[in-house]
Amino acid sequence: MQQSPLEVSPLLIPITKESSELLQKKLVVGETIGMFSIIETSLSKQQLIQHLQPFLQAELPSEELALFRFYDPAIIKILNKMLDDESYMVLLKPISNWWYQEFDSTLHNIVSL
């Protein structure tokens, strides 16, 4: 079964006070499938895309390029182990908070070094 790019790509949705409650009801899943993360930033959507774009590719030890799924909740929780300190700080610099849903449905927050 082949998935479309929209089904496997990160989706950026601005969250306002008005939409917050609805999003909590729709996004927070009661099953054990950790499936989303929330980034709080003062950047515009376009600025955030431009900031995150350089982090989408990672160089493997074989020098091949691979998709770096930093937006995947399974990857987010180990970002500090996957990136060197400088890259980690650059990634998180414009981000106030970054929450991800764990497999037990709890929300966790990653912080800058």
Protein backbone atom coordinates (compact mmCIF):
# COMPACT_ATOMS: atom_id res chain seq x y z
CA MET A 1 0.00 0.00 0.00
CA GLN A 2 1.56 3.25 -1.16
CA GLN A 3 0.95 6.41 0.87
CA SER A 4 0.71 9.92 -0.52
CA PRO A 5 3.25 12.53 0.61
CA LEU A 6 0.57 14.24 2.72
CA GLU A 7 -0.02 11.04 4.67
CA VAL A 8 3.62 10.73 5.73
CA SER A 9 4.78 14.37 5.84
CA PRO A 10 4.69 16.76 8.77
CA LEU A 11 1.66 19.03 8.80
CA LEU A 12 1.94 22.56 10.16
CA ILE A 13 -1.23 23.90 11.77
CA PRO A 14 -1.30 27.27 13.54
CA ILE A 15 -2.85 26.94 16.99
CA THR A 16 -4.83 29.81 18.47
CA LYS A 17 -6.57 30.04 21.81
CA GLU A 18 -9.85 29.45 20.00
CA SER A 19 -8.65 26.27 18.27
CA SER A 20 -6.68 24.86 21.20
CA GLU A 21 -9.54 22.95 22.85
CA LEU A 22 -10.73 21.47 19.57
CA LEU A 23 -7.20 20.37 18.67
CA GLN A 24 -6.74 18.76 22.07
CA LYS A 25 -9.89 16.71 21.49
CA LYS A 26 -8.93 15.79 17.92
CA LEU A 27 -5.17 15.25 18.26
CA VAL A 28 -4.61 13.75 21.68
CA VAL A 29 -5.14 10.09 21.04
CA GLY A 30 -6.18 7.72 23.81
CA GLU A 31 -4.46 4.76 22.18
CA THR A 32 -0.81 3.80 22.44
CA ILE A 33 0.35 5.10 19.07
CA GLY A 34 2.29 8.34 19.78
CA MET A 35 1.53 10.26 16.65
CA PHE A 36 2.13 13.99 16.83
CA SER A 37 4.23 16.81 18.16
CA ILE A 38 3.45 20.45 18.86
CA ILE A 39 5.97 23.24 18.32
CA GLU A 40 5.46 26.59 20.05
CA THR A 41 7.36 29.42 18.36
CA SER A 42 7.06 33.09 17.54
CA LEU A 43 8.13 32.34 13.95
CA SER A 44 5.61 32.56 11.15
CA LYS A 45 4.68 29.33 9.38
CA GLN A 46 7.00 30.21 6.48
CA GLN A 47 9.87 31.13 8.80
CA LEU A 48 9.44 27.85 10.70
CA ILE A 49 9.49 25.87 7.45
CA GLN A 50 12.67 27.67 6.38
CA HIS A 51 14.26 27.01 9.77
CA LEU A 52 13.40 23.29 9.82
CA GLN A 53 14.13 22.53 6.16
CA PRO A 54 17.93 22.11 6.52
CA PHE A 55 17.32 19.40 9.14
CA LEU A 56 15.34 17.14 6.79
CA GLN A 57 18.42 15.39 5.43
CA ALA A 58 21.09 13.58 7.39
CA GLU A 59 24.36 12.18 6.17
CA LEU A 60 24.86 8.51 6.97
CA PRO A 61 28.30 7.07 7.82
CA SER A 62 28.35 5.78 4.21
CA GLU A 63 28.04 9.45 3.12
CA GLU A 64 24.61 8.78 1.61
CA LEU A 65 21.81 11.23 2.39
CA ALA A 66 18.73 10.02 4.24
CA LEU A 67 15.49 11.58 5.43
CA PHE A 68 15.92 12.71 9.04
CA ARG A 69 12.44 12.43 10.54
CA PHE A 70 13.04 14.83 13.44
CA TYR A 71 9.29 15.51 13.48
CA ASP A 72 8.48 11.86 14.32
CA PRO A 73 7.64 11.47 18.05
CA ALA A 74 9.85 8.36 18.21
CA ILE A 75 12.80 10.46 16.97
CA ILE A 76 12.02 13.69 18.86
CA LYS A 77 12.64 12.10 22.25
CA ILE A 78 16.19 11.12 21.26
CA LEU A 79 17.15 14.23 19.28
CA ASN A 80 19.75 15.20 21.88
CA LYS A 81 21.47 11.84 21.29
CA MET A 82 21.25 12.00 17.49
CA LEU A 83 22.51 15.56 16.99
CA ASP A 84 25.72 17.11 18.25
CA ASP A 85 25.24 19.90 20.81
CA GLU A 86 25.66 22.68 18.26
CA SER A 87 23.08 21.25 15.80
CA TYR A 88 20.66 20.55 18.65
CA MET A 89 20.92 24.15 19.87
CA VAL A 90 20.49 25.53 16.34
CA LEU A 91 17.40 23.37 15.79
CA LEU A 92 15.76 24.45 19.06
CA LYS A 93 16.88 28.10 19.13
CA PRO A 94 13.65 29.69 17.80
CA ILE A 95 11.42 27.11 19.49
CA SER A 96 9.87 28.01 22.85
CA ASN A 97 8.41 24.57 23.51
CA TRP A 98 8.24 21.29 21.60
CA TRP A 99 5.86 18.68 22.93
CA TYR A 100 5.43 15.16 21.60
CA GLN A 101 2.91 12.47 22.41
CA GLU A 102 4.48 9.37 23.92
CA PHE A 103 3.17 5.89 23.18
CA ASP A 104 1.36 5.84 26.55
CA SER A 105 -0.54 9.01 25.43
CA THR A 106 1.37 11.33 27.78
CA LEU A 107 2.82 14.57 26.45
CA HIS A 108 6.51 15.33 26.98
CA ASN A 109 8.48 18.50 26.33
CA ILE A 110 12.01 18.69 24.95
CA VAL A 111 14.18 21.58 26.02
CA SER A 112 17.20 23.37 24.65
CA LEU A 113 20.63 22.71 26.17
